[in-house]
Amino acid sequence: MRGELTEKMAEAIANSKAQKLLLPLTLSKVEVIGVQPEPLPHQVEKLVNRLKELMEVKTDV
């Protein structure tokens, strides 16, 4: 598997009440409008920073 989701996986994710953070990787001829193409390490860094922000909010409650 190279990051593909099965139908059951997608359904489970969509039905979850959890916050969802997506890391858009385009290995095929799919273009996500509004997403700036950045190297994967930069995207992962942004993802980690956002997760930290969400964790801080949870602990402040």
N, C-alpha and C. Protein backbone atom coordinates (compact mmCIF):
# COMPACT_ATOMS: atom_id res chain seq x y z
N MET A 1 0.83 -1.18 0.00
CA MET A 1 0.00 0.00 0.00
C MET A 1 0.87 1.25 0.00
N ARG A 2 0.48 2.23 -0.77
CA ARG A 2 1.25 3.47 -0.85
C ARG A 2 0.41 4.66 -0.38
N GLY A 3 -0.37 4.48 0.67
CA GLY A 3 -1.18 5.56 1.18
C GLY A 3 -2.62 5.51 0.73
N GLU A 4 -2.98 4.48 -0.03
CA GLU A 4 -4.35 4.36 -0.51
C GLU A 4 -5.27 3.97 0.64
N LEU A 5 -6.51 4.39 0.54
CA LEU A 5 -7.53 4.01 1.51
C LEU A 5 -8.51 3.05 0.87
N THR A 6 -8.86 2.04 1.62
CA THR A 6 -9.93 1.17 1.14
C THR A 6 -11.26 1.84 1.44
N GLU A 7 -12.32 1.33 0.85
CA GLU A 7 -13.65 1.89 1.09
C GLU A 7 -14.02 1.81 2.57
N LYS A 8 -13.71 0.69 3.21
CA LYS A 8 -14.03 0.52 4.63
C LYS A 8 -13.22 1.47 5.50
N MET A 9 -11.96 1.68 5.16
CA MET A 9 -11.13 2.61 5.91
C MET A 9 -11.69 4.03 5.80
N ALA A 10 -12.04 4.44 4.59
CA ALA A 10 -12.58 5.78 4.38
C ALA A 10 -13.89 5.96 5.14
N GLU A 11 -14.72 4.94 5.15
CA GLU A 11 -16.00 5.01 5.87
C GLU A 11 -15.76 5.15 7.37
N ALA A 12 -14.83 4.38 7.91
CA ALA A 12 -14.53 4.45 9.34
C ALA A 12 -14.00 5.83 9.71
N ILE A 13 -13.14 6.39 8.89
CA ILE A 13 -12.60 7.72 9.15
C ILE A 13 -13.70 8.76 9.08
N ALA A 14 -14.51 8.70 8.05
CA ALA A 14 -15.59 9.69 7.87
C ALA A 14 -16.60 9.63 9.01
N ASN A 15 -16.87 8.44 9.53
CA ASN A 15 -17.86 8.28 10.59
C ASN A 15 -17.32 8.59 11.98
N SER A 16 -16.02 8.71 12.12
CA SER A 16 -15.41 9.01 13.41
C SER A 16 -15.71 10.45 13.82
N LYS A 17 -15.94 10.65 15.12
CA LYS A 17 -16.19 12.00 15.63
C LYS A 17 -14.88 12.75 15.89
N ALA A 18 -13.77 12.09 15.73
CA ALA A 18 -12.46 12.69 16.00
C ALA A 18 -12.13 13.78 15.00
N GLN A 19 -11.28 14.71 15.42
CA GLN A 19 -10.74 15.73 14.52
C GLN A 19 -9.92 15.02 13.45
N LYS A 20 -10.08 15.43 12.22
CA LYS A 20 -9.36 14.80 11.12
C LYS A 20 -8.38 15.79 10.50
N LEU A 21 -7.13 15.39 10.40
CA LEU A 21 -6.09 16.19 9.77
C LEU A 21 -5.60 15.40 8.57
N LEU A 22 -5.67 16.00 7.40
CA LEU A 22 -5.29 15.30 6.17
C LEU A 22 -3.96 15.81 5.66
N LEU A 23 -3.14 14.92 5.21
CA LEU A 23 -1.86 15.24 4.61
C LEU A 23 -1.97 14.89 3.13
N PRO A 24 -2.24 15.89 2.28
CA PRO A 24 -2.50 15.60 0.87
C PRO A 24 -1.24 15.26 0.09
N LEU A 25 -1.11 14.01 -0.26
CA LEU A 25 0.01 13.56 -1.09
C LEU A 25 -0.54 13.23 -2.46
N THR A 26 0.02 13.81 -3.47
CA THR A 26 -0.48 13.57 -4.82
C THR A 26 0.56 12.79 -5.61
N LEU A 27 0.35 11.50 -5.68
CA LEU A 27 1.25 10.64 -6.44
C LEU A 27 0.71 10.36 -7.82
N SER A 28 -0.53 10.76 -8.05
CA SER A 28 -1.14 10.51 -9.35
C SER A 28 -1.54 11.84 -9.97
N LYS A 29 -2.40 11.80 -10.94
CA LYS A 29 -2.81 13.02 -11.64
C LYS A 29 -4.02 13.64 -10.96
N VAL A 30 -3.92 13.81 -9.63
CA VAL A 30 -4.98 14.44 -8.85
C VAL A 30 -4.44 15.75 -8.31
N GLU A 31 -5.20 16.80 -8.50
CA GLU A 31 -4.79 18.11 -8.01
C GLU A 31 -5.81 18.59 -6.99
N VAL A 32 -5.33 18.95 -5.80
CA VAL A 32 -6.21 19.47 -4.76
C VAL A 32 -6.10 20.99 -4.81
N ILE A 33 -7.17 21.64 -5.23
CA ILE A 33 -7.16 23.09 -5.39
C ILE A 33 -7.08 23.75 -4.02
N GLY A 34 -6.24 24.76 -3.91
CA GLY A 34 -6.09 25.48 -2.66
C GLY A 34 -4.95 24.97 -1.80
N VAL A 35 -4.33 23.89 -2.20
CA VAL A 35 -3.22 23.31 -1.45
C VAL A 35 -1.92 23.67 -2.16
N GLN A 36 -1.01 24.26 -1.42
CA GLN A 36 0.27 24.64 -1.99
C GLN A 36 1.20 23.43 -2.02
N PRO A 37 1.83 23.18 -3.15
CA PRO A 37 2.77 22.04 -3.21
C PRO A 37 4.01 22.34 -2.38
N GLU A 38 4.25 21.53 -1.38
CA GLU A 38 5.42 21.68 -0.51
C GLU A 38 6.07 20.32 -0.33
N PRO A 39 7.36 20.32 -0.03
CA PRO A 39 8.03 19.04 0.24
C PRO A 39 7.38 18.33 1.43
N LEU A 40 7.38 17.02 1.41
CA LEU A 40 6.76 16.23 2.47
C LEU A 40 7.27 16.61 3.86
N PRO A 41 8.57 16.81 4.07
CA PRO A 41 9.02 17.18 5.42
C PRO A 41 8.36 18.47 5.93
N HIS A 42 8.11 19.44 5.06
CA HIS A 42 7.45 20.68 5.47
C HIS A 42 6.00 20.39 5.86
N GLN A 43 5.35 19.54 5.10
CA GLN A 43 3.96 19.20 5.40
C GLN A 43 3.86 18.45 6.73
N VAL A 44 4.79 17.54 6.97
CA VAL A 44 4.80 16.78 8.23
C VAL A 44 5.05 17.72 9.40
N GLU A 45 5.94 18.68 9.23
CA GLU A 45 6.21 19.65 10.29
C GLU A 45 4.95 20.45 10.63
N LYS A 46 4.22 20.88 9.62
CA LYS A 46 2.97 21.61 9.85
C LYS A 46 1.95 20.72 10.56
N LEU A 47 1.88 19.46 10.16
CA LEU A 47 0.96 18.52 10.78
C LEU A 47 1.30 18.33 12.26
N VAL A 48 2.56 18.14 12.56
CA VAL A 48 2.99 17.95 13.95
C VAL A 48 2.67 19.20 14.77
N ASN A 49 2.94 20.38 14.22
CA ASN A 49 2.64 21.62 14.94
C ASN A 49 1.15 21.75 15.22
N ARG A 50 0.32 21.39 14.26
CA ARG A 50 -1.14 21.47 14.46
C ARG A 50 -1.59 20.48 15.51
N LEU A 51 -1.02 19.27 15.51
CA LEU A 51 -1.35 18.29 16.54
C LEU A 51 -0.99 18.80 17.92
N LYS A 52 0.16 19.45 18.03
CA LYS A 52 0.57 20.04 19.31
C LYS A 52 -0.42 21.10 19.76
N GLU A 53 -0.87 21.94 18.82
CA GLU A 53 -1.87 22.96 19.15
C GLU A 53 -3.15 22.32 19.67
N LEU A 54 -3.61 21.28 19.00
CA LEU A 54 -4.83 20.61 19.43
C LEU A 54 -4.66 19.95 20.79
N MET A 55 -3.49 19.41 21.06
CA MET A 55 -3.23 18.78 22.35
C MET A 55 -3.21 19.82 23.46
N GLU A 56 -2.67 21.02 23.18
CA GLU A 56 -2.65 22.09 24.18
C GLU A 56 -4.06 22.53 24.52
N VAL A 57 -4.91 22.64 23.53
CA VAL A 57 -6.30 23.04 23.77
C VAL A 57 -6.99 22.02 24.67
N LYS A 58 -6.76 20.74 24.42
CA LYS A 58 -7.38 19.68 25.23
C LYS A 58 -6.91 19.73 26.68
N THR A 59 -5.63 20.04 26.92
CA THR A 59 -5.11 20.06 28.28
C THR A 59 -5.48 21.34 29.01
N ASP A 60 -5.85 22.39 28.29
CA ASP A 60 -6.25 23.66 28.91
C ASP A 60 -7.69 23.63 29.42
N VAL A 61 -8.43 22.62 29.05
CA VAL A 61 -9.86 22.57 29.41
C VAL A 61 -10.03 22.14 30.84
